[in-house]
């Protein structure tokens, strides 16, 4: 329902071939004076060498982690600007990929509905912090 009613929906996709952009990224850092050429060359070689040889499931896990971090930042920025967001992971990713013609290079991470809420969200409860966060030990249960 949020997809239909939201002012906008942002699809967060992870690029499992992002290492192919290493030359452009580090080249821009050199042009901006942030990095010497030899350092950029070394970074490019290591990035391409490592990421191009990852097993597919490892590459996917990396983009899920990065995509989650990016999504949270986007949601926090939206909130700071007075917008409401709803993250959605419970959608048919295969149908989404098919409907939008998304190549295998991109992995759907989540959808984020964004806009102004027409009514307050429903109240929820959470576990107390001491039930989910631990210092120097895990529970024995």
N, C-alpha and C. Protein backbone atom coordinates (compact mmCIF):
# COMPACT_ATOMS: atom_id res chain seq x y z
N UNK A 1 0.82 -1.20 0.00
CA UNK A 1 0.00 0.00 0.00
C UNK A 1 0.86 1.26 0.00
N UNK A 2 1.99 1.22 0.76
CA UNK A 2 2.86 2.39 0.81
C UNK A 2 3.41 2.74 -0.58
N UNK A 3 3.65 1.75 -1.40
CA UNK A 3 4.19 2.00 -2.75
C UNK A 3 3.18 2.78 -3.56
N UNK A 4 1.92 2.42 -3.44
CA UNK A 4 0.86 3.07 -4.21
C UNK A 4 0.58 4.48 -3.70
N UNK A 5 0.61 4.67 -2.40
CA UNK A 5 0.22 5.96 -1.81
C UNK A 5 1.36 6.93 -1.58
N UNK A 6 2.60 6.48 -1.62
CA UNK A 6 3.73 7.35 -1.31
C UNK A 6 3.92 8.42 -2.39
N UNK A 7 4.43 9.56 -1.97
CA UNK A 7 4.77 10.61 -2.92
C UNK A 7 5.84 10.13 -3.89
N UNK A 8 6.76 9.34 -3.37
CA UNK A 8 7.83 8.78 -4.19
C UNK A 8 8.31 7.49 -3.54
N UNK A 9 8.86 6.62 -4.34
CA UNK A 9 9.48 5.39 -3.84
C UNK A 9 10.88 5.31 -4.44
N UNK A 10 11.83 5.14 -3.57
CA UNK A 10 13.23 5.04 -3.99
C UNK A 10 13.62 3.57 -3.95
N UNK A 11 14.16 3.08 -5.05
CA UNK A 11 14.67 1.72 -5.10
C UNK A 11 16.17 1.79 -4.81
N UNK A 12 16.60 1.12 -3.76
CA UNK A 12 18.02 1.05 -3.43
C UNK A 12 18.55 -0.24 -4.03
N UNK A 13 19.50 -0.10 -4.94
CA UNK A 13 20.09 -1.24 -5.64
C UNK A 13 21.58 -1.29 -5.34
N UNK A 14 22.09 -2.49 -5.18
CA UNK A 14 23.52 -2.67 -4.98
C UNK A 14 24.16 -3.10 -6.28
N UNK A 15 25.28 -2.49 -6.62
CA UNK A 15 26.00 -2.79 -7.86
C UNK A 15 27.12 -3.78 -7.57
N UNK A 16 26.93 -5.05 -7.95
CA UNK A 16 27.95 -6.06 -7.68
C UNK A 16 29.16 -5.92 -8.60
N UNK A 17 29.10 -4.99 -9.55
CA UNK A 17 30.23 -4.73 -10.44
C UNK A 17 30.79 -3.32 -10.23
N UNK A 18 30.57 -2.77 -9.05
CA UNK A 18 31.01 -1.40 -8.79
C UNK A 18 32.52 -1.24 -8.90
N UNK A 19 33.26 -2.32 -8.71
CA UNK A 19 34.72 -2.26 -8.82
C UNK A 19 35.16 -1.78 -10.21
N UNK A 20 34.29 -1.94 -11.21
CA UNK A 20 34.62 -1.49 -12.57
C UNK A 20 34.69 0.03 -12.67
N UNK A 21 34.21 0.71 -11.64
CA UNK A 21 34.24 2.17 -11.61
C UNK A 21 35.44 2.69 -10.82
N UNK A 22 36.31 1.80 -10.37
CA UNK A 22 37.45 2.20 -9.53
C UNK A 22 38.33 3.23 -10.21
N UNK A 23 38.60 3.03 -11.49
CA UNK A 23 39.48 3.98 -12.21
C UNK A 23 38.86 5.38 -12.23
N UNK A 24 37.58 5.45 -12.48
CA UNK A 24 36.90 6.75 -12.52
C UNK A 24 36.90 7.40 -11.13
N UNK A 25 36.57 6.60 -10.11
CA UNK A 25 36.50 7.14 -8.74
C UNK A 25 37.85 7.66 -8.29
N UNK A 26 38.88 6.83 -8.39
CA UNK A 26 40.20 7.25 -7.93
C UNK A 26 40.82 8.29 -8.85
N UNK A 27 40.44 8.26 -10.14
CA UNK A 27 40.89 9.30 -11.06
C UNK A 27 40.36 10.67 -10.65
N UNK A 28 39.12 10.70 -10.20
CA UNK A 28 38.54 11.96 -9.71
C UNK A 28 39.27 12.44 -8.46
N UNK A 29 39.66 11.49 -7.60
CA UNK A 29 40.39 11.86 -6.39
C UNK A 29 41.75 12.48 -6.74
N UNK A 30 42.39 11.95 -7.78
CA UNK A 30 43.66 12.50 -8.24
C UNK A 30 43.44 13.90 -8.81
N UNK A 31 42.44 14.05 -9.68
CA UNK A 31 42.15 15.35 -10.29
C UNK A 31 41.82 16.41 -9.25
N UNK A 32 41.15 16.00 -8.16
CA UNK A 32 40.78 16.94 -7.11
C UNK A 32 41.95 17.25 -6.18
N UNK A 33 43.06 16.55 -6.36
CA UNK A 33 44.22 16.79 -5.52
C UNK A 33 44.16 16.06 -4.19
N UNK A 34 43.27 15.08 -4.06
CA UNK A 34 43.12 14.35 -2.81
C UNK A 34 44.06 13.16 -2.69
N UNK A 35 44.66 12.76 -3.83
CA UNK A 35 45.45 11.53 -3.83
C UNK A 35 46.49 11.60 -4.95
N UNK A 36 47.71 11.15 -4.66
CA UNK A 36 48.72 11.10 -5.73
C UNK A 36 48.39 9.98 -6.73
N UNK A 37 48.88 10.10 -7.94
CA UNK A 37 48.60 9.14 -9.01
C UNK A 37 49.03 7.72 -8.62
N UNK A 38 50.22 7.58 -8.03
CA UNK A 38 50.70 6.24 -7.70
C UNK A 38 49.82 5.56 -6.64
N UNK A 39 49.29 6.33 -5.71
CA UNK A 39 48.37 5.77 -4.71
C UNK A 39 47.08 5.33 -5.38
N UNK A 40 46.57 6.17 -6.27
CA UNK A 40 45.34 5.82 -6.99
C UNK A 40 45.53 4.56 -7.81
N UNK A 41 46.65 4.46 -8.49
CA UNK A 41 46.94 3.27 -9.30
C UNK A 41 46.96 2.02 -8.43
N UNK A 42 47.57 2.11 -7.28
CA UNK A 42 47.63 0.99 -6.34
C UNK A 42 46.22 0.61 -5.85
N UNK A 43 45.42 1.62 -5.50
CA UNK A 43 44.05 1.37 -5.04
C UNK A 43 43.23 0.70 -6.14
N UNK A 44 43.38 1.18 -7.36
CA UNK A 44 42.62 0.61 -8.49
C UNK A 44 42.99 -0.85 -8.67
N UNK A 45 44.27 -1.14 -8.69
CA UNK A 45 44.72 -2.53 -8.88
C UNK A 45 44.19 -3.44 -7.78
N UNK A 46 44.27 -2.99 -6.53
CA UNK A 46 43.80 -3.82 -5.41
C UNK A 46 42.29 -3.98 -5.42
N UNK A 47 41.59 -2.90 -5.70
CA UNK A 47 40.12 -2.96 -5.72
C UNK A 47 39.63 -3.90 -6.80
N UNK A 48 40.10 -3.72 -8.01
CA UNK A 48 39.68 -4.57 -9.12
C UNK A 48 40.10 -6.01 -8.88
N UNK A 49 41.33 -6.21 -8.44
CA UNK A 49 41.82 -7.56 -8.20
C UNK A 49 41.00 -8.30 -7.15
N UNK A 50 40.69 -7.63 -6.06
CA UNK A 50 39.96 -8.29 -4.98
C UNK A 50 38.48 -8.49 -5.33
N UNK A 51 37.79 -7.41 -5.71
CA UNK A 51 36.34 -7.49 -5.90
C UNK A 51 35.94 -8.27 -7.15
N UNK A 52 36.77 -8.30 -8.16
CA UNK A 52 36.41 -9.03 -9.38
C UNK A 52 36.50 -10.54 -9.17
N UNK A 53 37.16 -10.98 -8.10
CA UNK A 53 37.32 -12.40 -7.83
C UNK A 53 36.49 -12.91 -6.66
N UNK A 54 35.62 -12.08 -6.13
CA UNK A 54 34.78 -12.51 -5.01
C UNK A 54 33.73 -13.50 -5.48
N UNK A 55 33.40 -14.49 -4.64
CA UNK A 55 32.26 -15.34 -4.96
C UNK A 55 31.00 -14.48 -5.00
N UNK A 56 30.04 -14.81 -5.88
CA UNK A 56 28.83 -13.99 -6.01
C UNK A 56 28.10 -13.73 -4.69
N UNK A 57 28.04 -14.72 -3.82
CA UNK A 57 27.31 -14.53 -2.56
C UNK A 57 28.03 -13.53 -1.64
N UNK A 58 29.35 -13.45 -1.72
CA UNK A 58 30.10 -12.49 -0.92
C UNK A 58 29.88 -11.08 -1.47
N UNK A 59 29.93 -10.94 -2.79
CA UNK A 59 29.68 -9.64 -3.42
C UNK A 59 28.27 -9.14 -3.08
N UNK A 60 27.31 -10.04 -3.08
CA UNK A 60 25.93 -9.66 -2.74
C UNK A 60 25.84 -9.22 -1.28
N UNK A 61 26.51 -9.92 -0.39
CA UNK A 61 26.47 -9.54 1.02
C UNK A 61 27.07 -8.15 1.23
N UNK A 62 28.13 -7.85 0.52
CA UNK A 62 28.75 -6.52 0.62
C UNK A 62 27.76 -5.44 0.18
N UNK A 63 27.07 -5.65 -0.95
CA UNK A 63 26.14 -4.61 -1.40
C UNK A 63 24.91 -4.52 -0.52
N UNK A 64 24.50 -5.62 0.13
CA UNK A 64 23.39 -5.54 1.09
C UNK A 64 23.80 -4.68 2.30
N UNK A 65 25.01 -4.89 2.78
CA UNK A 65 25.49 -4.10 3.92
C UNK A 65 25.61 -2.64 3.54
N UNK A 66 26.28 -2.36 2.43
CA UNK A 66 26.44 -0.97 1.99
C UNK A 66 25.10 -0.32 1.69
N UNK A 67 24.21 -1.07 1.03
CA UNK A 67 22.89 -0.54 0.71
C UNK A 67 22.07 -0.23 1.95
N UNK A 68 22.21 -1.05 2.99
CA UNK A 68 21.50 -0.79 4.24
C UNK A 68 22.01 0.48 4.91
N UNK A 69 23.33 0.66 4.89
CA UNK A 69 23.91 1.88 5.47
C UNK A 69 23.45 3.13 4.71
N UNK A 70 23.49 3.04 3.40
CA UNK A 70 23.05 4.16 2.57
C UNK A 70 21.58 4.46 2.79
N UNK A 71 20.77 3.41 2.89
CA UNK A 71 19.33 3.58 3.10
C UNK A 71 19.05 4.30 4.41
N UNK A 72 19.73 3.89 5.47
CA UNK A 72 19.51 4.54 6.77
C UNK A 72 19.91 6.02 6.70
N UNK A 73 21.02 6.32 6.05
CA UNK A 73 21.43 7.72 5.92
C UNK A 73 20.39 8.53 5.15
N UNK A 74 19.88 7.94 4.06
CA UNK A 74 18.86 8.62 3.27
C UNK A 74 17.62 8.88 4.12
N UNK A 75 17.22 7.89 4.92
CA UNK A 75 16.03 8.05 5.76
C UNK A 75 16.25 9.11 6.84
N UNK A 76 17.45 9.16 7.41
CA UNK A 76 17.74 10.17 8.43
C UNK A 76 17.75 11.57 7.83
N UNK A 77 18.32 11.71 6.65
CA UNK A 77 18.33 13.02 5.98
C UNK A 77 16.91 13.44 5.64
N UNK A 78 16.12 12.51 5.11
CA UNK A 78 14.72 12.83 4.78
C UNK A 78 13.98 13.30 6.03
N UNK A 79 14.17 12.61 7.14
CA UNK A 79 13.50 12.98 8.39
C UNK A 79 13.93 14.37 8.84
N UNK A 80 15.22 14.67 8.70
CA UNK A 80 15.72 15.99 9.10
C UNK A 80 15.13 17.10 8.24
N UNK A 81 14.66 16.75 7.05
CA UNK A 81 14.04 17.72 6.15
C UNK A 81 12.51 17.72 6.27
N UNK A 82 11.97 16.95 7.23
CA UNK A 82 10.53 16.94 7.48
C UNK A 82 9.75 15.90 6.71
N UNK A 83 10.43 14.93 6.10
CA UNK A 83 9.74 13.88 5.35
C UNK A 83 9.70 12.59 6.16
N UNK A 84 8.70 11.80 5.89
CA UNK A 84 8.56 10.50 6.52
C UNK A 84 8.99 9.43 5.51
N UNK A 85 9.52 8.33 6.04
CA UNK A 85 9.96 7.24 5.18
C UNK A 85 9.49 5.91 5.74
N UNK A 86 9.38 4.94 4.84
CA UNK A 86 9.05 3.57 5.23
C UNK A 86 9.97 2.65 4.43
N UNK A 87 10.87 1.91 5.12
CA UNK A 87 11.71 0.95 4.40
C UNK A 87 10.91 -0.32 4.13
N UNK A 88 11.09 -0.88 2.95
CA UNK A 88 10.34 -2.08 2.59
C UNK A 88 11.30 -3.13 2.02
N UNK A 89 11.32 -4.27 2.66
CA UNK A 89 12.11 -5.38 2.16
C UNK A 89 11.21 -6.55 1.77
N UNK A 90 9.97 -6.50 2.21
CA UNK A 90 9.03 -7.59 1.96
C UNK A 90 8.25 -7.41 0.67
N UNK A 91 8.93 -7.42 -0.43
CA UNK A 91 8.28 -7.34 -1.75
C UNK A 91 8.89 -8.42 -2.62
N UNK A 92 8.25 -8.72 -3.70
CA UNK A 92 8.73 -9.78 -4.60
C UNK A 92 9.85 -9.20 -5.45
N UNK A 93 11.07 -9.47 -5.04
CA UNK A 93 12.24 -8.89 -5.72
C UNK A 93 12.36 -9.38 -7.16
N UNK A 94 12.02 -10.63 -7.40
CA UNK A 94 12.10 -11.16 -8.77
C UNK A 94 11.13 -10.42 -9.69
N UNK A 95 9.91 -10.17 -9.22
CA UNK A 95 8.94 -9.43 -10.03
C UNK A 95 9.38 -7.98 -10.23
N UNK A 96 9.96 -7.40 -9.19
CA UNK A 96 10.46 -6.03 -9.28
C UNK A 96 11.54 -5.94 -10.35
N UNK A 97 12.50 -6.87 -10.30
CA UNK A 97 13.60 -6.90 -11.28
C UNK A 97 13.05 -7.06 -12.69
N UNK A 98 12.08 -7.95 -12.84
CA UNK A 98 11.48 -8.19 -14.16
C UNK A 98 10.70 -6.97 -14.64
N UNK A 99 9.91 -6.37 -13.77
CA UNK A 99 9.06 -5.23 -14.15
C UNK A 99 9.88 -4.04 -14.62
N UNK A 100 11.05 -3.84 -14.00
CA UNK A 100 11.87 -2.68 -14.33
C UNK A 100 13.07 -3.02 -15.21
N UNK A 101 13.18 -4.27 -15.63
CA UNK A 101 14.27 -4.67 -16.52
C UNK A 101 15.64 -4.45 -15.92
N UNK A 102 15.81 -4.78 -14.66
CA UNK A 102 17.06 -4.56 -13.95
C UNK A 102 18.03 -5.70 -14.26
N UNK A 103 19.24 -5.37 -14.66
CA UNK A 103 20.23 -6.39 -15.02
C UNK A 103 20.75 -7.10 -13.77
N UNK A 104 21.42 -8.22 -13.97
CA UNK A 104 21.98 -9.00 -12.87
C UNK A 104 23.11 -8.26 -12.16
N UNK A 105 23.58 -7.18 -12.76
CA UNK A 105 24.62 -6.37 -12.13
C UNK A 105 24.11 -5.72 -10.85
N UNK A 106 22.80 -5.51 -10.77
CA UNK A 106 22.21 -4.80 -9.64
C UNK A 106 21.35 -5.73 -8.80
N UNK A 107 21.51 -5.61 -7.48
CA UNK A 107 20.77 -6.42 -6.52
C UNK A 107 19.80 -5.51 -5.77
N UNK A 108 18.50 -5.81 -5.80
CA UNK A 108 17.57 -5.00 -5.01
C UNK A 108 17.84 -5.16 -3.51
N UNK A 109 18.06 -4.05 -2.84
CA UNK A 109 18.31 -4.07 -1.40
C UNK A 109 17.01 -3.78 -0.66
N UNK A 110 16.35 -2.69 -1.02
CA UNK A 110 15.07 -2.33 -0.41
C UNK A 110 14.42 -1.21 -1.21
N UNK A 111 13.14 -1.03 -0.93
CA UNK A 111 12.40 0.12 -1.44
C UNK A 111 12.18 1.05 -0.25
N UNK A 112 12.19 2.34 -0.50
CA UNK A 112 11.94 3.31 0.55
C UNK A 112 10.85 4.26 0.06
N UNK A 113 9.69 4.18 0.70
CA UNK A 113 8.61 5.14 0.42
C UNK A 113 8.97 6.42 1.15
N UNK A 114 8.75 7.55 0.48
CA UNK A 114 9.10 8.84 1.09
C UNK A 114 8.00 9.84 0.78
N UNK A 115 7.67 10.67 1.75
CA UNK A 115 6.65 11.69 1.58
C UNK A 115 6.26 12.25 2.93
N UNK A 116 5.08 12.83 3.00
CA UNK A 116 4.54 13.37 4.25
C UNK A 116 3.43 12.42 4.69
N UNK A 117 3.54 11.92 5.91
CA UNK A 117 2.54 10.99 6.42
C UNK A 117 1.18 11.69 6.51
N UNK A 118 0.13 10.98 6.09
CA UNK A 118 -1.22 11.53 6.20
C UNK A 118 -1.81 11.29 7.58
N UNK A 119 -1.24 10.31 8.30
CA UNK A 119 -1.66 10.04 9.68
C UNK A 119 -0.45 9.46 10.41
N UNK A 120 -0.44 9.54 11.73
CA UNK A 120 0.69 8.99 12.48
C UNK A 120 0.79 7.48 12.28
N UNK A 121 2.02 6.99 12.34
CA UNK A 121 2.23 5.55 12.26
C UNK A 121 1.64 4.85 13.47
N UNK A 122 1.37 3.55 13.33
CA UNK A 122 0.80 2.82 14.47
C UNK A 122 1.86 2.61 15.54
N UNK A 123 1.44 2.62 16.80
CA UNK A 123 2.42 2.42 17.88
C UNK A 123 3.02 1.01 17.84
N UNK A 124 4.27 0.91 18.23
CA UNK A 124 4.94 -0.38 18.28
C UNK A 124 5.69 -0.51 19.60
N UNK A 125 6.14 -1.70 19.87
CA UNK A 125 7.00 -1.92 21.03
C UNK A 125 8.30 -2.56 20.54
N UNK A 126 9.31 -2.47 21.35
CA UNK A 126 10.60 -3.06 21.05
C UNK A 126 11.11 -3.75 22.30
N UNK A 127 12.02 -4.68 22.11
CA UNK A 127 12.67 -5.31 23.26
C UNK A 127 13.52 -4.28 23.98
N UNK A 128 13.67 -4.41 25.29
CA UNK A 128 14.55 -3.48 26.01
C UNK A 128 15.99 -3.65 25.54
N UNK A 129 16.76 -2.59 25.61
CA UNK A 129 18.13 -2.59 25.12
C UNK A 129 18.96 -3.70 25.75
N UNK A 130 18.73 -3.98 27.03
CA UNK A 130 19.52 -5.02 27.71
C UNK A 130 19.23 -6.43 27.17
N UNK A 131 18.14 -6.58 26.42
CA UNK A 131 17.83 -7.87 25.80
C UNK A 131 18.48 -8.05 24.43
N UNK A 132 19.01 -6.97 23.87
CA UNK A 132 19.56 -7.08 22.51
C UNK A 132 20.99 -6.56 22.38
N UNK A 133 21.50 -5.88 23.39
CA UNK A 133 22.86 -5.35 23.34
C UNK A 133 23.63 -5.87 24.54
N UNK A 134 24.87 -6.32 24.30
CA UNK A 134 25.66 -6.93 25.36
C UNK A 134 27.05 -6.32 25.35
N UNK A 135 27.68 -6.29 26.51
CA UNK A 135 29.02 -5.75 26.64
C UNK A 135 29.97 -6.86 27.06
N UNK A 136 30.88 -7.21 26.19
CA UNK A 136 31.93 -8.21 26.44
C UNK A 136 31.44 -9.64 26.68
N UNK A 137 30.18 -9.92 26.47
CA UNK A 137 29.71 -11.30 26.62
C UNK A 137 28.37 -11.44 25.93
N UNK A 138 28.09 -12.67 25.49
CA UNK A 138 26.80 -12.99 24.90
C UNK A 138 25.99 -13.75 25.93
N UNK A 139 24.68 -13.70 25.83
CA UNK A 139 23.87 -14.45 26.79
C UNK A 139 24.09 -15.95 26.64
N UNK A 140 23.88 -16.69 27.70
CA UNK A 140 24.10 -18.13 27.67
C UNK A 140 22.89 -18.89 27.13
N UNK A 141 21.82 -18.24 26.85
CA UNK A 141 20.60 -18.89 26.36
C UNK A 141 20.73 -19.31 24.93
